N, C-alpha and C. Protein backbone atom coordinates (compact mmCIF):
# COMPACT_ATOMS: atom_id res chain seq x y z
N MET A 1 135.05 108.05 96.04
CA MET A 1 134.59 107.64 94.98
C MET A 1 133.40 109.08 94.35
N THR A 2 132.55 109.23 93.16
CA THR A 2 131.68 110.18 92.95
C THR A 2 130.76 109.57 92.51
N LEU A 3 129.88 110.18 92.60
CA LEU A 3 128.55 109.68 92.41
C LEU A 3 128.04 109.37 90.67
N ASP A 4 129.38 109.63 89.67
CA ASP A 4 129.53 109.55 88.76
C ASP A 4 130.15 108.33 88.36
N GLY A 5 130.49 107.92 89.50
CA GLY A 5 131.26 106.43 89.38
C GLY A 5 130.54 105.55 89.98
N VAL A 6 129.61 105.76 90.55
CA VAL A 6 128.58 105.16 91.61
C VAL A 6 127.28 104.77 91.03
N TYR A 7 126.53 105.77 90.24
CA TYR A 7 124.93 106.05 89.71
C TYR A 7 125.17 105.31 88.28
N GLY A 8 123.78 104.19 88.67
CA GLY A 8 123.62 103.76 87.43
C GLY A 8 124.68 102.68 86.84
N THR A 9 125.20 102.21 87.33
CA THR A 9 126.56 101.12 87.51
C THR A 9 125.72 99.87 86.85
N ARG A 10 125.18 99.72 87.61
CA ARG A 10 123.85 98.43 87.69
C ARG A 10 122.32 98.09 86.94
N PRO A 11 122.40 98.90 86.18
CA PRO A 11 121.14 98.01 85.58
C PRO A 11 120.58 97.39 85.42
N ASP A 12 121.56 95.77 85.61
CA ASP A 12 121.66 94.79 85.28
C ASP A 12 120.84 94.21 86.25
N LEU A 13 120.19 94.68 87.80
CA LEU A 13 119.97 94.42 88.93
C LEU A 13 118.29 94.45 88.55
N LEU A 14 118.14 95.72 87.50
CA LEU A 14 116.63 96.08 87.60
C LEU A 14 115.61 94.66 86.85
N PRO A 15 114.51 94.67 87.09
CA PRO A 15 114.14 93.29 86.44
C PRO A 15 114.33 93.09 85.04
N ARG A 16 114.40 92.09 84.21
CA ARG A 16 114.73 92.11 82.84
C ARG A 16 112.97 92.55 82.25
N SER A 17 112.35 92.59 82.61
CA SER A 17 110.80 92.80 81.98
C SER A 17 111.21 94.58 81.68
N MET A 18 112.31 95.15 82.20
CA MET A 18 112.32 96.57 81.95
C MET A 18 113.58 97.15 81.39
N VAL A 19 114.39 96.07 80.82
CA VAL A 19 115.92 96.71 80.66
C VAL A 19 116.37 95.29 79.77
N ARG A 20 117.25 95.64 78.37
CA ARG A 20 117.52 94.81 77.49
C ARG A 20 119.46 95.29 77.45
N LEU A 21 120.08 94.20 76.69
CA LEU A 21 121.36 94.53 76.57
C LEU A 21 121.58 94.71 75.24
N VAL A 22 122.18 95.81 74.75
CA VAL A 22 122.29 95.94 73.20
C VAL A 22 123.44 96.28 72.65
N ARG A 23 124.39 96.35 71.70
CA ARG A 23 125.40 96.43 71.07
C ARG A 23 125.65 98.25 71.39
N ALA A 24 126.71 98.37 72.06
CA ALA A 24 126.74 99.75 71.97
C ALA A 24 127.28 100.57 70.74
N ASP A 25 126.99 101.79 70.61
CA ASP A 25 127.38 102.46 69.88
C ASP A 25 129.33 102.86 69.59
N LYS A 26 129.67 102.94 68.31
CA LYS A 26 130.98 102.64 68.33
C LYS A 26 132.00 104.04 69.00
N GLN A 27 131.58 105.02 69.69
CA GLN A 27 131.78 106.19 70.10
C GLN A 27 132.15 105.84 71.77
N THR A 28 131.91 104.30 72.32
CA THR A 28 132.57 103.81 73.26
C THR A 28 132.92 102.61 73.58
N ASN A 29 133.67 102.62 74.46
CA ASN A 29 135.12 101.71 75.11
C ASN A 29 134.06 100.17 74.77
N ARG A 30 132.85 100.49 75.39
CA ARG A 30 132.22 99.08 75.88
C ARG A 30 131.52 98.69 74.45
N ARG A 31 131.24 97.51 74.45
CA ARG A 31 130.74 96.66 72.97
C ARG A 31 129.17 96.44 73.17
N LEU A 32 128.38 96.46 74.92
CA LEU A 32 127.23 96.03 75.22
C LEU A 32 126.91 97.06 76.20
N THR A 33 125.60 97.70 75.76
CA THR A 33 125.53 98.34 76.85
C THR A 33 123.84 98.32 77.19
N TRP A 34 123.14 98.19 78.66
CA TRP A 34 121.77 97.89 79.36
C TRP A 34 120.95 99.82 78.78
N VAL A 35 119.87 99.09 78.16
CA VAL A 35 119.01 100.35 77.85
C VAL A 35 117.64 99.72 78.33
N GLY A 36 116.37 100.83 78.20
CA GLY A 36 115.33 100.88 78.88
C GLY A 36 114.36 99.63 77.66
N ARG A 37 113.56 98.80 77.85
CA ARG A 37 112.82 98.22 76.92
C ARG A 37 111.54 99.32 76.77
N SER A 38 110.64 98.93 75.64
CA SER A 38 109.52 100.18 75.38
C SER A 38 109.06 100.49 76.74
N GLY A 39 108.93 101.72 76.64
CA GLY A 39 107.84 102.07 77.75
C GLY A 39 109.17 102.81 78.70
N VAL A 40 110.57 102.37 79.37
CA VAL A 40 110.98 102.32 80.28
C VAL A 40 112.56 103.33 79.29
N GLN A 41 112.61 104.47 80.37
CA GLN A 41 113.57 105.30 80.09
C GLN A 41 114.42 105.03 80.93
N LEU A 42 116.00 104.82 80.95
CA LEU A 42 116.95 104.82 82.22
C LEU A 42 117.40 106.78 82.85
N LEU A 43 117.67 106.65 83.56
CA LEU A 43 117.51 108.39 83.73
C LEU A 43 119.02 108.20 84.06
N THR A 44 119.48 109.48 83.24
CA THR A 44 121.24 109.86 83.70
C THR A 44 121.32 110.34 85.01
N LEU A 45 122.26 110.65 85.37
CA LEU A 45 122.54 111.10 86.87
C LEU A 45 121.97 112.51 86.92
N ASP A 46 121.85 113.27 85.91
CA ASP A 46 121.61 114.90 85.77
C ASP A 46 120.03 114.91 86.39
N GLN A 47 119.40 113.72 85.43
CA GLN A 47 117.88 113.85 85.66
C GLN A 47 117.65 112.90 87.19
N HIS A 48 118.32 112.14 87.35
CA HIS A 48 118.11 112.04 89.07
C HIS A 48 118.14 112.60 89.49
N LEU A 49 119.08 113.61 89.64
CA LEU A 49 119.61 114.47 91.06
C LEU A 49 117.94 115.55 90.75
N ARG A 50 118.12 115.75 89.64
CA ARG A 50 116.69 116.69 89.33
C ARG A 50 115.52 116.60 89.56
N TYR A 51 115.18 115.18 89.67
CA TYR A 51 113.54 114.91 89.96
C TYR A 51 113.54 114.58 91.74
N GLU A 52 114.92 114.04 92.03
CA GLU A 52 115.39 113.68 93.64
C GLU A 52 114.88 114.97 94.22
N HIS A 53 115.99 116.19 94.02
CA HIS A 53 115.73 117.16 94.31
C HIS A 53 114.23 117.90 94.98
N GLU A 54 113.67 117.68 93.14
CA GLU A 54 112.26 118.01 93.25
C GLU A 54 110.95 117.35 94.32
N SER A 55 111.45 116.18 94.70
CA SER A 55 110.42 115.56 95.16
C SER A 55 111.09 114.78 96.96
N LEU A 56 111.99 113.55 96.88
CA LEU A 56 112.04 113.20 98.03
C LEU A 56 113.05 113.81 99.01
N GLY A 57 113.85 115.08 98.14
CA GLY A 57 114.86 115.91 99.01
C GLY A 57 114.10 116.98 99.64
N ARG A 58 112.64 117.06 99.27
CA ARG A 58 111.84 118.26 100.38
C ARG A 58 111.01 117.50 101.61
N TYR A 59 111.60 116.21 102.01
CA TYR A 59 110.93 115.22 102.59
C TYR A 59 112.00 115.30 103.60
N PRO A 60 111.46 115.43 105.12
CA PRO A 60 112.99 114.64 106.20
C PRO A 60 113.22 113.60 105.82
N ARG A 61 113.90 112.75 106.41
CA ARG A 61 114.88 111.78 106.06
C ARG A 61 115.29 111.16 107.21
N ASN A 62 115.07 109.29 107.24
CA ASN A 62 115.86 108.86 108.34
C ASN A 62 116.61 108.17 107.73
N SER A 63 117.47 107.51 108.81
CA SER A 63 119.11 107.29 108.51
C SER A 63 119.33 105.96 107.13
N ASP A 64 117.93 105.24 106.97
CA ASP A 64 117.78 104.28 106.43
C ASP A 64 117.31 104.87 104.49
N GLY A 65 117.23 106.15 104.62
CA GLY A 65 116.65 106.62 103.30
C GLY A 65 115.01 106.48 103.34
N ALA A 66 114.51 106.12 104.14
CA ALA A 66 113.25 106.26 103.83
C ALA A 66 112.57 107.43 104.82
N ILE A 67 111.59 108.24 103.98
CA ILE A 67 110.57 109.49 104.24
C ILE A 67 110.55 109.41 106.16
N GLU A 68 111.30 110.10 106.63
CA GLU A 68 110.62 109.84 108.28
C GLU A 68 109.08 110.95 108.65
N TRP A 69 107.93 109.81 108.43
CA TRP A 69 106.85 110.09 107.75
C TRP A 69 105.84 111.24 109.27
N SER A 70 106.70 110.67 110.42
CA SER A 70 106.16 111.50 111.82
C SER A 70 106.20 112.75 111.54
N ALA A 71 107.56 113.00 110.85
CA ALA A 71 107.98 114.54 111.00
C ALA A 71 107.08 115.47 109.73
N VAL A 72 106.24 114.77 108.79
CA VAL A 72 105.86 115.12 107.54
C VAL A 72 104.19 115.78 107.96
N ALA A 73 103.90 117.14 107.44
CA ALA A 73 102.36 117.43 107.89
C ALA A 73 101.77 116.71 107.55
N ASP A 74 100.74 116.47 108.82
CA ASP A 74 99.68 115.47 108.05
C ASP A 74 98.92 115.63 106.66
N GLU A 75 98.77 117.03 106.82
CA GLU A 75 97.73 117.89 105.73
C GLU A 75 97.91 117.32 104.40
N LEU A 76 99.76 116.81 104.22
CA LEU A 76 100.40 116.88 103.10
C LEU A 76 99.80 114.98 102.86
N VAL A 77 100.03 114.45 103.79
CA VAL A 77 99.65 112.66 103.66
C VAL A 77 98.04 112.71 103.31
N LEU A 78 98.00 112.13 102.05
CA LEU A 78 97.15 111.64 101.10
C LEU A 78 96.73 109.85 101.72
N CYS A 79 97.16 109.29 101.86
CA CYS A 79 96.75 107.33 102.33
C CYS A 79 98.44 107.23 103.23
N SER A 80 98.61 106.06 103.86
CA SER A 80 99.00 105.71 104.39
C SER A 80 98.84 103.89 105.01
N MET A 81 98.95 102.54 104.39
CA MET A 81 98.10 101.48 104.33
C MET A 81 99.17 100.55 104.22
N ASP A 82 98.79 99.66 105.41
CA ASP A 82 99.84 98.30 105.11
C ASP A 82 99.56 97.63 103.23
N SER A 83 100.34 97.23 102.56
CA SER A 83 100.52 96.86 101.30
C SER A 83 100.46 95.12 101.29
N ASP A 84 99.75 94.73 100.17
CA ASP A 84 100.09 93.57 98.92
C ASP A 84 100.33 94.38 97.41
N SER A 85 100.80 93.43 96.33
CA SER A 85 100.56 94.21 95.18
C SER A 85 99.25 94.85 94.64
N THR A 86 98.25 94.10 94.97
CA THR A 86 97.21 94.70 94.43
C THR A 86 96.89 96.22 95.05
N GLU A 87 96.70 96.21 96.19
CA GLU A 87 96.66 97.56 97.00
C GLU A 87 98.24 98.73 96.45
N GLN A 88 98.97 98.10 96.17
CA GLN A 88 100.21 98.97 95.66
C GLN A 88 99.59 99.33 93.70
N SER A 89 99.11 98.65 93.51
CA SER A 89 98.75 99.22 91.78
C SER A 89 97.28 100.09 92.16
N THR A 90 96.69 99.67 92.96
CA THR A 90 95.52 100.43 93.64
C THR A 90 95.74 102.24 93.99
N VAL A 91 96.81 102.08 94.60
CA VAL A 91 97.27 103.20 95.07
C VAL A 91 97.76 104.13 94.35
N ILE A 92 98.99 103.59 93.26
CA ILE A 92 99.04 104.12 92.03
C ILE A 92 97.89 105.04 90.98
N GLN A 93 97.30 103.70 90.76
CA GLN A 93 96.19 104.70 90.11
C GLN A 93 95.48 105.53 90.66
N GLN A 94 95.39 105.64 92.12
CA GLN A 94 94.36 106.56 92.74
C GLN A 94 95.04 108.03 92.71
N PHE A 95 96.66 107.90 93.11
CA PHE A 95 97.02 109.01 93.37
C PHE A 95 97.91 109.63 92.43
N THR A 96 98.49 108.68 91.13
CA THR A 96 98.99 109.88 89.98
C THR A 96 98.35 109.95 88.92
N PRO A 97 98.63 110.64 88.18
CA PRO A 97 97.55 111.03 86.49
C PRO A 97 97.48 109.81 85.68
N LYS A 98 96.48 110.14 85.46
CA LYS A 98 96.33 108.64 84.06
C LYS A 98 97.17 109.45 82.45
N ILE A 99 98.01 110.44 82.82
CA ILE A 99 98.63 110.37 81.81
C ILE A 99 100.25 111.19 82.59
N GLY A 100 101.02 111.11 81.72
CA GLY A 100 102.44 111.77 82.05
C GLY A 100 103.23 110.41 82.39
N ASN A 101 104.42 110.72 83.24
CA ASN A 101 105.32 109.71 83.85
C ASN A 101 105.73 109.54 84.91
N LEU A 102 106.31 108.71 85.49
CA LEU A 102 106.21 108.24 86.62
C LEU A 102 107.83 108.15 86.89
N ILE A 103 108.57 108.61 87.81
CA ILE A 103 109.92 108.61 88.37
C ILE A 103 110.27 107.50 89.70
N PHE A 104 110.94 106.19 89.24
CA PHE A 104 111.06 105.40 90.08
C PHE A 104 112.50 105.51 90.76
N PHE A 105 112.39 105.49 92.33
CA PHE A 105 113.99 105.67 92.87
C PHE A 105 113.92 104.84 93.36
N TRP A 106 115.33 103.85 93.95
CA TRP A 106 115.43 102.55 94.52
C TRP A 106 116.43 102.97 95.24
N GLY A 107 117.18 102.23 96.54
CA GLY A 107 117.26 102.33 97.48
C GLY A 107 118.72 102.19 97.00
N SER A 108 119.41 102.01 96.30
CA SER A 108 120.77 102.44 95.70
C SER A 108 121.14 102.92 94.57
N LEU A 109 121.96 103.59 94.67
CA LEU A 109 122.51 104.71 93.64
C LEU A 109 122.91 103.89 92.42
N ALA A 110 123.58 102.66 92.83
CA ALA A 110 123.68 101.99 91.23
C ALA A 110 122.73 101.62 90.88
N VAL A 111 121.37 101.30 91.30
CA VAL A 111 120.70 100.76 90.25
C VAL A 111 120.08 102.68 89.63
N PRO A 112 119.97 102.50 88.12
CA PRO A 112 119.55 103.86 87.70
C PRO A 112 118.11 104.20 88.13
N SER A 113 117.80 105.10 88.42
CA SER A 113 116.25 105.45 88.42
C SER A 113 115.75 105.53 87.10
N VAL A 114 114.37 105.46 87.10
CA VAL A 114 113.89 104.96 85.82
C VAL A 114 112.72 105.86 85.69
N GLU A 115 111.73 106.06 84.26
CA GLU A 115 110.56 106.74 84.11
C GLU A 115 109.71 106.35 83.31
N MET A 116 108.85 106.07 83.65
CA MET A 116 107.91 105.04 83.15
C MET A 116 106.69 105.75 82.82
N GLY A 117 106.06 105.71 81.98
CA GLY A 117 104.20 106.20 81.96
C GLY A 117 103.13 105.61 83.32
N VAL A 118 102.17 105.62 83.37
CA VAL A 118 101.51 105.05 84.54
C VAL A 118 101.38 103.54 84.09
N GLU A 119 100.75 103.55 82.69
CA GLU A 119 100.20 102.10 82.64
C GLU A 119 101.59 101.27 82.15
N SER A 120 102.56 101.93 81.98
CA SER A 120 103.92 100.84 81.77
C SER A 120 104.20 100.62 83.42
N SER A 121 104.27 101.64 84.08
CA SER A 121 104.83 101.10 85.43
C SER A 121 103.90 100.11 85.95
N LEU A 122 101.84 100.42 85.73
CA LEU A 122 101.35 99.26 86.32
C LEU A 122 102.18 97.41 85.69
N THR A 123 102.13 97.96 84.88
CA THR A 123 102.43 96.67 83.70
C THR A 123 103.73 95.73 84.63
N HIS A 124 104.50 96.71 84.96
CA HIS A 124 105.96 96.31 85.76
C HIS A 124 105.80 96.46 87.26
N LEU A 125 104.76 97.29 87.98
CA LEU A 125 104.56 97.01 88.88
C LEU A 125 104.93 95.47 90.08
N PRO A 126 104.69 94.27 89.70
CA PRO A 126 105.20 93.18 89.80
C PRO A 126 106.16 92.74 90.23
N GLY A 127 106.78 93.34 89.14
CA GLY A 127 108.58 92.52 88.86
C GLY A 127 109.20 93.39 89.92
N ILE A 128 109.11 94.58 90.13
CA ILE A 128 109.48 95.97 90.84
C ILE A 128 109.48 95.20 92.22
N ALA A 129 108.28 95.10 92.34
CA ALA A 129 107.79 94.24 93.90
C ALA A 129 108.80 93.32 94.29
N GLU A 130 108.83 92.24 93.67
CA GLU A 130 110.04 91.23 93.70
C GLU A 130 111.37 91.65 93.43
N PHE A 131 111.90 92.44 92.75
CA PHE A 131 113.41 93.07 92.89
C PHE A 131 113.73 94.17 93.87
N THR A 132 112.59 94.69 94.56
CA THR A 132 113.63 95.22 95.90
C THR A 132 112.29 95.30 96.10
N PRO A 133 111.89 95.58 97.55
CA PRO A 133 110.91 95.71 98.72
C PRO A 133 111.05 97.41 98.86
N GLU A 134 111.52 98.21 98.83
CA GLU A 134 111.55 98.78 98.79
C GLU A 134 111.62 100.39 97.61
N PHE A 135 110.98 101.49 97.57
CA PHE A 135 111.45 102.01 96.38
C PHE A 135 110.29 103.45 96.32
N TRP A 136 110.54 104.19 95.68
CA TRP A 136 109.80 105.40 95.58
C TRP A 136 109.62 105.77 94.19
N ILE A 137 107.95 106.34 94.24
CA ILE A 137 107.27 106.65 92.80
C ILE A 137 107.32 108.06 93.35
N TYR A 138 107.98 109.16 91.97
CA TYR A 138 107.52 110.38 91.95
C TYR A 138 106.80 111.05 90.57
N SER A 139 105.62 111.64 90.83
CA SER A 139 104.77 111.78 90.05
C SER A 139 105.10 113.40 89.34
N PRO A 140 105.83 113.69 88.89
CA PRO A 140 105.91 115.24 88.43
C PRO A 140 104.84 116.13 87.87
N GLY A 141 103.89 115.61 87.30
CA GLY A 141 103.05 115.88 87.20
C GLY A 141 101.98 117.01 88.06
N ASP A 142 102.00 115.91 89.03
CA ASP A 142 101.07 116.80 90.06
C ASP A 142 101.63 116.35 91.53
N HIS A 143 103.21 116.54 91.24
CA HIS A 143 104.01 116.40 92.72
C HIS A 143 103.49 115.30 94.22
N ILE A 144 102.73 114.19 93.43
CA ILE A 144 102.80 113.12 94.35
C ILE A 144 104.10 112.18 94.66
N VAL A 145 104.37 112.18 95.76
CA VAL A 145 105.63 110.90 96.01
C VAL A 145 104.35 109.50 96.58
N VAL A 146 105.01 108.35 96.13
CA VAL A 146 104.63 107.40 96.86
C VAL A 146 105.88 106.64 97.10
N GLU A 147 105.48 106.14 98.53
CA GLU A 147 106.73 105.12 99.12
C GLU A 147 106.07 103.99 99.60
N LEU A 148 106.84 103.00 99.59
CA LEU A 148 106.58 101.41 99.30
C LEU A 148 108.00 100.83 100.12
N SER A 149 107.38 100.85 101.06
CA SER A 149 108.52 100.69 102.19
C SER A 149 109.00 99.36 102.65
N PHE A 150 110.06 98.87 103.20
CA PHE A 150 110.73 97.78 103.38
C PHE A 150 109.42 96.98 104.59
N SER A 151 108.98 97.70 105.53
CA SER A 151 108.14 97.18 106.33
C SER A 151 106.77 97.06 105.88
N GLY A 152 106.76 97.01 104.41
CA GLY A 152 105.21 96.96 103.64
C GLY A 152 104.18 97.88 103.87
N VAL A 153 104.63 98.78 104.30
CA VAL A 153 103.56 100.30 104.16
C VAL A 153 103.38 101.11 103.04
N VAL A 154 102.87 101.49 102.22
CA VAL A 154 102.31 102.00 100.92
C VAL A 154 101.46 103.56 101.68
N THR A 155 102.34 104.40 101.41
CA THR A 155 101.90 106.22 102.23
C THR A 155 102.40 106.81 100.34
N ALA A 156 101.19 107.71 100.47
CA ALA A 156 101.13 108.39 99.29
C ALA A 156 101.00 109.66 100.00
N ALA A 157 101.76 110.92 99.16
CA ALA A 157 101.58 112.70 100.40
C ALA A 157 102.00 113.47 99.00
N ARG A 158 101.55 114.91 99.28
CA ARG A 158 101.85 115.55 98.33
C ARG A 158 103.00 116.04 98.78
N VAL A 159 104.36 116.64 97.65
CA VAL A 159 105.63 117.07 97.95
C VAL A 159 105.17 118.27 98.70
N PRO A 160 106.60 118.39 99.83
CA PRO A 160 106.51 119.94 100.76
C PRO A 160 106.68 121.03 99.49
N ALA A 161 106.06 121.80 100.24
CA ALA A 161 106.63 123.33 99.48
C ALA A 161 107.82 123.30 99.47
N LYS A 162 108.77 124.22 98.88
CA LYS A 162 110.18 124.98 99.17
C LYS A 162 110.55 125.25 100.63
N THR A 163 110.85 125.10 101.35
CA THR A 163 111.56 125.79 102.47
C THR A 163 111.85 127.40 102.17
N ASP A 164 111.37 128.11 100.80
CA ASP A 164 111.80 129.15 100.80
C ASP A 164 110.24 129.78 101.13
N GLY A 165 109.07 129.21 100.65
CA GLY A 165 107.63 129.20 100.88
C GLY A 165 107.46 129.56 100.05
N ARG A 166 107.77 128.89 98.73
CA ARG A 166 107.09 129.17 97.47
C ARG A 166 106.83 127.76 96.85
N SER A 167 105.66 127.52 96.23
CA SER A 167 104.78 125.99 96.37
C SER A 167 106.07 125.37 94.95
N PRO A 168 105.85 123.91 94.84
CA PRO A 168 106.36 123.21 94.18
C PRO A 168 106.59 123.39 92.80
N ALA A 169 107.71 123.41 92.04
CA ALA A 169 107.64 123.97 90.86
C ALA A 169 106.72 123.09 89.60
């Protein structure tokens, strides 16, 4: 099965506060389709792959997909702490820009990645934390990744430079 056949096939698994079901346009075979609610954009496969390549793709990863923090240079790690939902929002507010959008990645490719503004992200964070215990947030504007791990640790870090020596785009 290809990524096209898997990616984004289950937007219904996202919190209902983030998505809604609407009538599909007449150009598709489907009668209904899922769309992001106000301030929430569901990413296409191409968008997902581009953002994943410029963020998570630059980190060493464990077999479960989590970032292997022990292999990441200490100077890139901005913070790492045990979390509860209040600390999660604090980390996001501290290490992401006040303007610009954030990209949310999930542990399953069947659930489409999502793009939201910082304020919208903070509003949806409690529902997201209930939806999935592990996810990643990428801030393209300042090249920061925040990982909220299954074990309850929140880690924020700068994205490593490309392996060819150039800094992140």
